[in-house]
Amino acid sequence: MQKRWGFWWMGNIFWIIIFVIGAAIIWLRKVDGAGVTQTPELKSVAFIVLLIAFIFPLIIQVVWLIVNLRIASNK
């Protein structure tokens, strides 16, 4: 049981670190890859796109949490 929870926490920490790095890159850059100067509005749009991209891993983590809780409650 401890391995399942350990992997779940490691997965969460991994996704949080990746998200924070991506958000920092978006917020701190002056010009994007296409050469467009970043305004606060464009940074917000890019951040929303990043959020949408992280919805799928979030769903997987929630399902994994539910499975871990059900397995733990059955023992």
PDB file of N, CA and C in Angstrom:
ATOM      1  N   MET A   1       0.818  -1.193   0.000  1.00  0.00           N
ATOM      2  CA  MET A   1       0.000   0.000   0.000  1.00  0.00           C
ATOM      3  C   MET A   1       0.860   1.254   0.000  1.00  0.00           C
ATOM      4  N   GLN A   2       1.953   1.239   0.719  1.00  0.00           N
ATOM      5  CA  GLN A   2       2.798   2.422   0.808  1.00  0.00           C
ATOM      6  C   GLN A   2       3.386   2.803  -0.546  1.00  0.00           C
ATOM      7  N   LYS A   3       3.680   1.808  -1.379  1.00  0.00           N
ATOM      8  CA  LYS A   3       4.241   2.100  -2.697  1.00  0.00           C
ATOM      9  C   LYS A   3       3.247   2.867  -3.558  1.00  0.00           C
ATOM     10  N   ARG A   4       1.971   2.468  -3.506  1.00  0.00           N
ATOM     11  CA  ARG A   4       0.950   3.159  -4.299  1.00  0.00           C
ATOM     12  C   ARG A   4       0.867   4.621  -3.919  1.00  0.00           C
ATOM     13  N   TRP A   5       0.845   4.884  -2.612  1.00  0.00           N
ATOM     14  CA  TRP A   5       0.754   6.272  -2.156  1.00  0.00           C
ATOM     15  C   TRP A   5       2.032   7.039  -2.464  1.00  0.00           C
ATOM     16  N   GLY A   6       3.170   6.378  -2.355  1.00  0.00           N
ATOM     17  CA  GLY A   6       4.436   7.027  -2.683  1.00  0.00           C
ATOM     18  C   GLY A   6       4.491   7.436  -4.144  1.00  0.00           C
ATOM     19  N   PHE A   7       4.073   6.519  -5.036  1.00  0.00           N
ATOM     20  CA  PHE A   7       4.048   6.845  -6.458  1.00  0.00           C
ATOM     21  C   PHE A   7       3.039   7.948  -6.758  1.00  0.00           C
ATOM     22  N   TRP A   8       1.902   7.927  -6.056  1.00  0.00           N
ATOM     23  CA  TRP A   8       0.887   8.965  -6.273  1.00  0.00           C
ATOM     24  C   TRP A   8       1.449  10.333  -5.898  1.00  0.00           C
ATOM     25  N   TRP A   9       2.126  10.394  -4.733  1.00  0.00           N
ATOM     26  CA  TRP A   9       2.705  11.667  -4.307  1.00  0.00           C
ATOM     27  C   TRP A   9       3.828  12.111  -5.244  1.00  0.00           C
ATOM     28  N   MET A  10       4.656  11.171  -5.671  1.00  0.00           N
ATOM     29  CA  MET A  10       5.729  11.532  -6.603  1.00  0.00           C
ATOM     30  C   MET A  10       5.158  12.051  -7.917  1.00  0.00           C
ATOM     31  N   GLY A  11       4.088  11.428  -8.388  1.00  0.00           N
ATOM     32  CA  GLY A  11       3.426  11.901  -9.605  1.00  0.00           C
ATOM     33  C   GLY A  11       2.879  13.305  -9.433  1.00  0.00           C
ATOM     34  N   ASN A  12       2.238  13.563  -8.298  1.00  0.00           N
ATOM     35  CA  ASN A  12       1.711  14.898  -8.031  1.00  0.00           C
ATOM     36  C   ASN A  12       2.810  15.943  -7.965  1.00  0.00           C
ATOM     37  N   ILE A  13       3.885  15.614  -7.276  1.00  0.00           N
ATOM     38  CA  ILE A  13       5.001  16.567  -7.156  1.00  0.00           C
ATOM     39  C   ILE A  13       5.610  16.843  -8.528  1.00  0.00           C
ATOM     40  N   PHE A  14       5.748  15.802  -9.348  1.00  0.00           N
ATOM     41  CA  PHE A  14       6.272  15.978 -10.696  1.00  0.00           C
ATOM     42  C   PHE A  14       5.404  16.952 -11.496  1.00  0.00           C
ATOM     43  N   TRP A  15       4.077  16.739 -11.495  1.00  0.00           N
ATOM     44  CA  TRP A  15       3.188  17.602 -12.286  1.00  0.00           C
ATOM     45  C   TRP A  15       3.143  19.023 -11.735  1.00  0.00           C
ATOM     46  N   ILE A  16       3.220  19.177 -10.434  1.00  0.00           N
ATOM     47  CA  ILE A  16       3.235  20.522  -9.851  1.00  0.00           C
ATOM     48  C   ILE A  16       4.500  21.266 -10.258  1.00  0.00           C
ATOM     49  N   ILE A  17       5.640  20.589 -10.215  1.00  0.00           N
ATOM     50  CA  ILE A  17       6.898  21.233 -10.608  1.00  0.00           C
ATOM     51  C   ILE A  17       6.865  21.627 -12.083  1.00  0.00           C
ATOM     52  N   ILE A  18       6.391  20.729 -12.947  1.00  0.00           N
ATOM     53  CA  ILE A  18       6.297  21.036 -14.376  1.00  0.00           C
ATOM     54  C   ILE A  18       5.362  22.215 -14.606  1.00  0.00           C
ATOM     55  N   PHE A  19       4.230  22.251 -13.898  1.00  0.00           N
ATOM     56  CA  PHE A  19       3.283  23.348 -14.056  1.00  0.00           C
ATOM     57  C   PHE A  19       3.893  24.677 -13.598  1.00  0.00           C
ATOM     58  N   VAL A  20       4.567  24.678 -12.468  1.00  0.00           N
ATOM     59  CA  VAL A  20       5.177  25.909 -11.946  1.00  0.00           C
ATOM     60  C   VAL A  20       6.260  26.418 -12.897  1.00  0.00           C
ATOM     61  N   ILE A  21       7.069  25.520 -13.425  1.00  0.00           N
ATOM     62  CA  ILE A  21       8.102  25.933 -14.375  1.00  0.00           C
ATOM     63  C   ILE A  21       7.462  26.523 -15.634  1.00  0.00           C
ATOM     64  N   GLY A  22       6.435  25.863 -16.144  1.00  0.00           N
ATOM     65  CA  GLY A  22       5.742  26.386 -17.329  1.00  0.00           C
ATOM     66  C   GLY A  22       5.103  27.738 -17.076  1.00  0.00           C
ATOM     67  N   ALA A  23       4.471  27.901 -15.923  1.00  0.00           N
ATOM     68  CA  ALA A  23       3.845  29.173 -15.590  1.00  0.00           C
ATOM     69  C   ALA A  23       4.890  30.275 -15.441  1.00  0.00           C
ATOM     70  N   ALA A  24       6.046  29.943 -14.838  1.00  0.00           N
ATOM     71  CA  ALA A  24       7.109  30.935 -14.685  1.00  0.00           C
ATOM     72  C   ALA A  24       7.663  31.351 -16.042  1.00  0.00           C
ATOM     73  N   ILE A  25       7.845  30.384 -16.927  1.00  0.00           N
ATOM     74  CA  ILE A  25       8.340  30.709 -18.263  1.00  0.00           C
ATOM     75  C   ILE A  25       7.361  31.633 -18.981  1.00  0.00           C
ATOM     76  N   ILE A  26       6.074  31.312 -18.881  1.00  0.00           N
ATOM     77  CA  ILE A  26       5.065  32.152 -19.535  1.00  0.00           C
ATOM     78  C   ILE A  26       5.070  33.556 -18.945  1.00  0.00           C
ATOM     79  N   TRP A  27       5.113  33.664 -17.652  1.00  0.00           N
ATOM     80  CA  TRP A  27       4.985  34.971 -17.016  1.00  0.00           C
ATOM     81  C   TRP A  27       6.237  35.828 -17.150  1.00  0.00           C
ATOM     82  N   LEU A  28       7.413  35.213 -17.208  1.00  0.00           N
ATOM     83  CA  LEU A  28       8.655  35.980 -17.217  1.00  0.00           C
ATOM     84  C   LEU A  28       9.188  36.314 -18.608  1.00  0.00           C
ATOM     85  N   ARG A  29       8.646  35.685 -19.635  1.00  0.00           N
ATOM     86  CA  ARG A  29       9.177  35.949 -20.972  1.00  0.00           C
ATOM     87  C   ARG A  29       8.673  37.282 -21.511  1.00  0.00           C
ATOM     88  N   LYS A  30       9.522  37.925 -22.280  1.00  0.00           N
ATOM     89  CA  LYS A  30       9.167  39.205 -22.899  1.00  0.00           C
ATOM     90  C   LYS A  30       8.637  39.008 -24.315  1.00  0.00           C
ATOM     91  N   VAL A  31       9.192  37.996 -25.007  1.00  0.00           N
ATOM     92  CA  VAL A  31       8.820  37.711 -26.396  1.00  0.00           C
ATOM     93  C   VAL A  31       8.597  36.205 -26.502  1.00  0.00           C
ATOM     94  N   ASP A  32       7.529  35.784 -27.193  1.00  0.00           N
ATOM     95  CA  ASP A  32       7.291  34.349 -27.338  1.00  0.00           C
ATOM     96  C   ASP A  32       8.074  33.792 -28.524  1.00  0.00           C
ATOM     97  N   GLY A  33       7.874  32.536 -28.830  1.00  0.00           N
ATOM     98  CA  GLY A  33       8.625  31.866 -29.886  1.00  0.00           C
ATOM     99  C   GLY A  33       8.380  32.422 -31.268  1.00  0.00           C
ATOM    100  N   ALA A  34       7.227  33.043 -31.480  1.00  0.00           N
ATOM    101  CA  ALA A  34       6.907  33.624 -32.778  1.00  0.00           C
ATOM    102  C   ALA A  34       7.414  35.053 -32.908  1.00  0.00           C
ATOM    103  N   GLY A  35       7.999  35.583 -31.856  1.00  0.00           N
ATOM    104  CA  GLY A  35       8.529  36.942 -31.900  1.00  0.00           C
ATOM    105  C   GLY A  35       7.532  38.005 -31.489  1.00  0.00           C
ATOM    106  N   VAL A  36       6.404  37.606 -30.935  1.00  0.00           N
ATOM    107  CA  VAL A  36       5.365  38.541 -30.513  1.00  0.00           C
ATOM    108  C   VAL A  36       5.684  39.029 -29.103  1.00  0.00           C
ATOM    109  N   THR A  37       5.685  40.344 -28.923  1.00  0.00           N
ATOM    110  CA  THR A  37       5.905  40.912 -27.594  1.00  0.00           C
ATOM    111  C   THR A  37       4.728  40.543 -26.701  1.00  0.00           C
ATOM    112  N   GLN A  38       5.039  40.043 -25.518  1.00  0.00           N
ATOM    113  CA  GLN A  38       4.007  39.555 -24.617  1.00  0.00           C
ATOM    114  C   GLN A  38       3.410  40.683 -23.773  1.00  0.00           C
ATOM    115  N   THR A  39       2.105  40.840 -23.880  1.00  0.00           N
ATOM    116  CA  THR A  39       1.368  41.762 -23.028  1.00  0.00           C
ATOM    117  C   THR A  39       0.723  40.937 -21.919  1.00  0.00           C
ATOM    118  N   PRO A  40       0.228  41.588 -20.869  1.00  0.00           N
ATOM    119  CA  PRO A  40      -0.449  40.812 -19.822  1.00  0.00           C
ATOM    120  C   PRO A  40      -1.630  39.992 -20.350  1.00  0.00           C
ATOM    121  N   GLU A  41      -2.322  40.506 -21.361  1.00  0.00           N
ATOM    122  CA  GLU A  41      -3.452  39.759 -21.927  1.00  0.00           C
ATOM    123  C   GLU A  41      -2.979  38.492 -22.638  1.00  0.00           C
ATOM    124  N   LEU A  42      -1.896  38.615 -23.409  1.00  0.00           N
ATOM    125  CA  LEU A  42      -1.367  37.440 -24.104  1.00  0.00           C
ATOM    126  C   LEU A  42      -0.783  36.427 -23.124  1.00  0.00           C
ATOM    127  N   LYS A  43      -0.173  36.918 -22.060  1.00  0.00           N
ATOM    128  CA  LYS A  43       0.336  36.008 -21.032  1.00  0.00           C
ATOM    129  C   LYS A  43      -0.808  35.261 -20.368  1.00  0.00           C
ATOM    130  N   SER A  44      -1.924  35.943 -20.149  1.00  0.00           N
ATOM    131  CA  SER A  44      -3.094  35.291 -19.550  1.00  0.00           C
ATOM    132  C   SER A  44      -3.646  34.215 -20.468  1.00  0.00           C
ATOM    133  N   VAL A  45      -3.708  34.500 -21.756  1.00  0.00           N
ATOM    134  CA  VAL A  45      -4.189  33.503 -22.718  1.00  0.00           C
ATOM    135  C   VAL A  45      -3.260  32.290 -22.732  1.00  0.00           C
ATOM    136  N   ALA A  46      -1.961  32.527 -22.728  1.00  0.00           N
ATOM    137  CA  ALA A  46      -1.000  31.422 -22.712  1.00  0.00           C
ATOM    138  C   ALA A  46      -1.132  30.614 -21.421  1.00  0.00           C
ATOM    139  N   PHE A  47      -1.386  31.281 -20.312  1.00  0.00           N
ATOM    140  CA  PHE A  47      -1.563  30.586 -19.043  1.00  0.00           C
ATOM    141  C   PHE A  47      -2.836  29.733 -19.061  1.00  0.00           C
ATOM    142  N   ILE A  48      -3.899  30.239 -19.668  1.00  0.00           N
ATOM    143  CA  ILE A  48      -5.137  29.462 -19.785  1.00  0.00           C
ATOM    144  C   ILE A  48      -4.901  28.217 -20.637  1.00  0.00           C
ATOM    145  N   VAL A  49      -4.132  28.356 -21.713  1.00  0.00           N
ATOM    146  CA  VAL A  49      -3.794  27.196 -22.544  1.00  0.00           C
ATOM    147  C   VAL A  49      -3.003  26.181 -21.726  1.00  0.00           C
ATOM    148  N   LEU A  50      -2.071  26.659 -20.897  1.00  0.00           N
ATOM    149  CA  LEU A  50      -1.323  25.755 -20.019  1.00  0.00           C
ATOM    150  C   LEU A  50      -2.268  25.049 -19.043  1.00  0.00           C
ATOM    151  N   LEU A  51      -3.212  25.766 -18.484  1.00  0.00           N
ATOM    152  CA  LEU A  51      -4.190  25.153 -17.574  1.00  0.00           C
ATOM    153  C   LEU A  51      -4.992  24.067 -18.271  1.00  0.00           C
ATOM    154  N   ILE A  52      -5.425  24.347 -19.493  1.00  0.00           N
ATOM    155  CA  ILE A  52      -6.194  23.357 -20.254  1.00  0.00           C
ATOM    156  C   ILE A  52      -5.347  22.117 -20.513  1.00  0.00           C
ATOM    157  N   ALA A  53      -4.062  22.317 -20.806  1.00  0.00           N
ATOM    158  CA  ALA A  53      -3.176  21.177 -21.060  1.00  0.00           C
ATOM    159  C   ALA A  53      -2.995  20.326 -19.807  1.00  0.00           C
ATOM    160  N   PHE A  54      -3.101  20.923 -18.624  1.00  0.00           N
ATOM    161  CA  PHE A  54      -2.892  20.180 -17.384  1.00  0.00           C
ATOM    162  C   PHE A  54      -4.186  19.609 -16.806  1.00  0.00           C
ATOM    163  N   ILE A  55      -5.292  19.776 -17.487  1.00  0.00           N
ATOM    164  CA  ILE A  55      -6.542  19.177 -17.013  1.00  0.00           C
ATOM    165  C   ILE A  55      -6.484  17.651 -17.130  1.00  0.00           C
ATOM    166  N   PHE A  56      -5.907  17.137 -18.224  1.00  0.00           N
ATOM    167  CA  PHE A  56      -5.836  15.688 -18.413  1.00  0.00           C
ATOM    168  C   PHE A  56      -5.008  15.008 -17.321  1.00  0.00           C
ATOM    169  N   PRO A  57      -3.793  15.481 -17.014  1.00  0.00           N
ATOM    170  CA  PRO A  57      -3.064  14.853 -15.901  1.00  0.00           C
ATOM    171  C   PRO A  57      -3.785  14.996 -14.564  1.00  0.00           C
ATOM    172  N   LEU A  58      -4.493  16.091 -14.365  1.00  0.00           N
ATOM    173  CA  LEU A  58      -5.264  16.280 -13.135  1.00  0.00           C
ATOM    174  C   LEU A  58      -6.352  15.218 -13.011  1.00  0.00           C
ATOM    175  N   ILE A  59      -7.044  14.948 -14.099  1.00  0.00           N
ATOM    176  CA  ILE A  59      -8.092  13.920 -14.086  1.00  0.00           C
ATOM    177  C   ILE A  59      -7.489  12.559 -13.759  1.00  0.00           C
ATOM    178  N   ILE A  60      -6.345  12.254 -14.361  1.00  0.00           N
ATOM    179  CA  ILE A  60      -5.689  10.974 -14.089  1.00  0.00           C
ATOM    180  C   ILE A  60      -5.312  10.880 -12.612  1.00  0.00           C
ATOM    181  N   GLN A  61      -4.781  11.952 -12.029  1.00  0.00           N
ATOM    182  CA  GLN A  61      -4.383  11.931 -10.625  1.00  0.00           C
ATOM    183  C   GLN A  61      -5.598  11.759  -9.707  1.00  0.00           C
ATOM    184  N   VAL A  62      -6.710  12.372 -10.034  1.00  0.00           N
ATOM    185  CA  VAL A  62      -7.915  12.238  -9.210  1.00  0.00           C
ATOM    186  C   VAL A  62      -8.437  10.806  -9.275  1.00  0.00           C
ATOM    187  N   VAL A  63      -8.462  10.225 -10.468  1.00  0.00           N
ATOM    188  CA  VAL A  63      -8.908   8.831 -10.602  1.00  0.00           C
ATOM    189  C   VAL A  63      -7.973   7.908  -9.823  1.00  0.00           C
ATOM    190  N   TRP A  64      -6.674   8.172  -9.914  1.00  0.00           N
ATOM    191  CA  TRP A  64      -5.685   7.373  -9.186  1.00  0.00           C
ATOM    192  C   TRP A  64      -5.894   7.511  -7.682  1.00  0.00           C
ATOM    193  N   LEU A  65      -6.219   8.705  -7.214  1.00  0.00           N
ATOM    194  CA  LEU A  65      -6.509   8.917  -5.794  1.00  0.00           C
ATOM    195  C   LEU A  65      -7.726   8.107  -5.361  1.00  0.00           C
ATOM    196  N   ILE A  66      -8.783   8.139  -6.158  1.00  0.00           N
ATOM    197  CA  ILE A  66     -10.004   7.399  -5.824  1.00  0.00           C
ATOM    198  C   ILE A  66      -9.718   5.901  -5.762  1.00  0.00           C
ATOM    199  N   VAL A  67      -8.935   5.393  -6.718  1.00  0.00           N
ATOM    200  CA  VAL A  67      -8.588   3.971  -6.721  1.00  0.00           C
ATOM    201  C   VAL A  67      -7.785   3.640  -5.458  1.00  0.00           C
ATOM    202  N   ASN A  68      -6.818   4.469  -5.117  1.00  0.00           N
ATOM    203  CA  ASN A  68      -6.017   4.227  -3.900  1.00  0.00           C
ATOM    204  C   ASN A  68      -6.892   4.237  -2.649  1.00  0.00           C
ATOM    205  N   LEU A  69      -7.821   5.157  -2.567  1.00  0.00           N
ATOM    206  CA  LEU A  69      -8.690   5.230  -1.400  1.00  0.00           C
ATOM    207  C   LEU A  69      -9.605   4.009  -1.305  1.00  0.00           C
ATOM    208  N   ARG A  70     -10.117   3.571  -2.438  1.00  0.00           N
ATOM    209  CA  ARG A  70     -10.994   2.383  -2.422  1.00  0.00           C
ATOM    210  C   ARG A  70     -10.228   1.124  -2.048  1.00  0.00           C
ATOM    211  N   ILE A  71      -9.031   0.988  -2.558  1.00  0.00           N
ATOM    212  CA  ILE A  71      -8.222  -0.185  -2.232  1.00  0.00           C
ATOM    213  C   ILE A  71      -7.855  -0.149  -0.740  1.00  0.00           C
ATOM    214  N   ALA A  72      -7.524   1.032  -0.229  1.00  0.00           N
ATOM    215  CA  ALA A  72      -7.166   1.149   1.177  1.00  0.00           C
ATOM    216  C   ALA A  72      -8.369   0.879   2.082  1.00  0.00           C
ATOM    217  N   SER A  73      -9.567   1.266   1.656  1.00  0.00           N
ATOM    218  CA  SER A  73     -10.737   1.040   2.499  1.00  0.00           C
ATOM    219  C   SER A  73     -11.180  -0.421   2.498  1.00  0.00           C
ATOM    220  N   ASN A  74     -10.806  -1.174   1.467  1.00  0.00           N
ATOM    221  CA  ASN A  74     -11.172  -2.587   1.397  1.00  0.00           C
ATOM    222  C   ASN A  74     -10.263  -3.458   2.248  1.00  0.00           C
ATOM    223  N   LYS A  75      -9.129  -2.943   2.673  1.00  0.00           N
ATOM    224  CA  LYS A  75      -8.203  -3.768   3.454  1.00  0.00           C
ATOM    225  C   LYS A  75      -8.406  -3.601   4.929  1.00  0.00           C
TER     226      LYS A  75
END
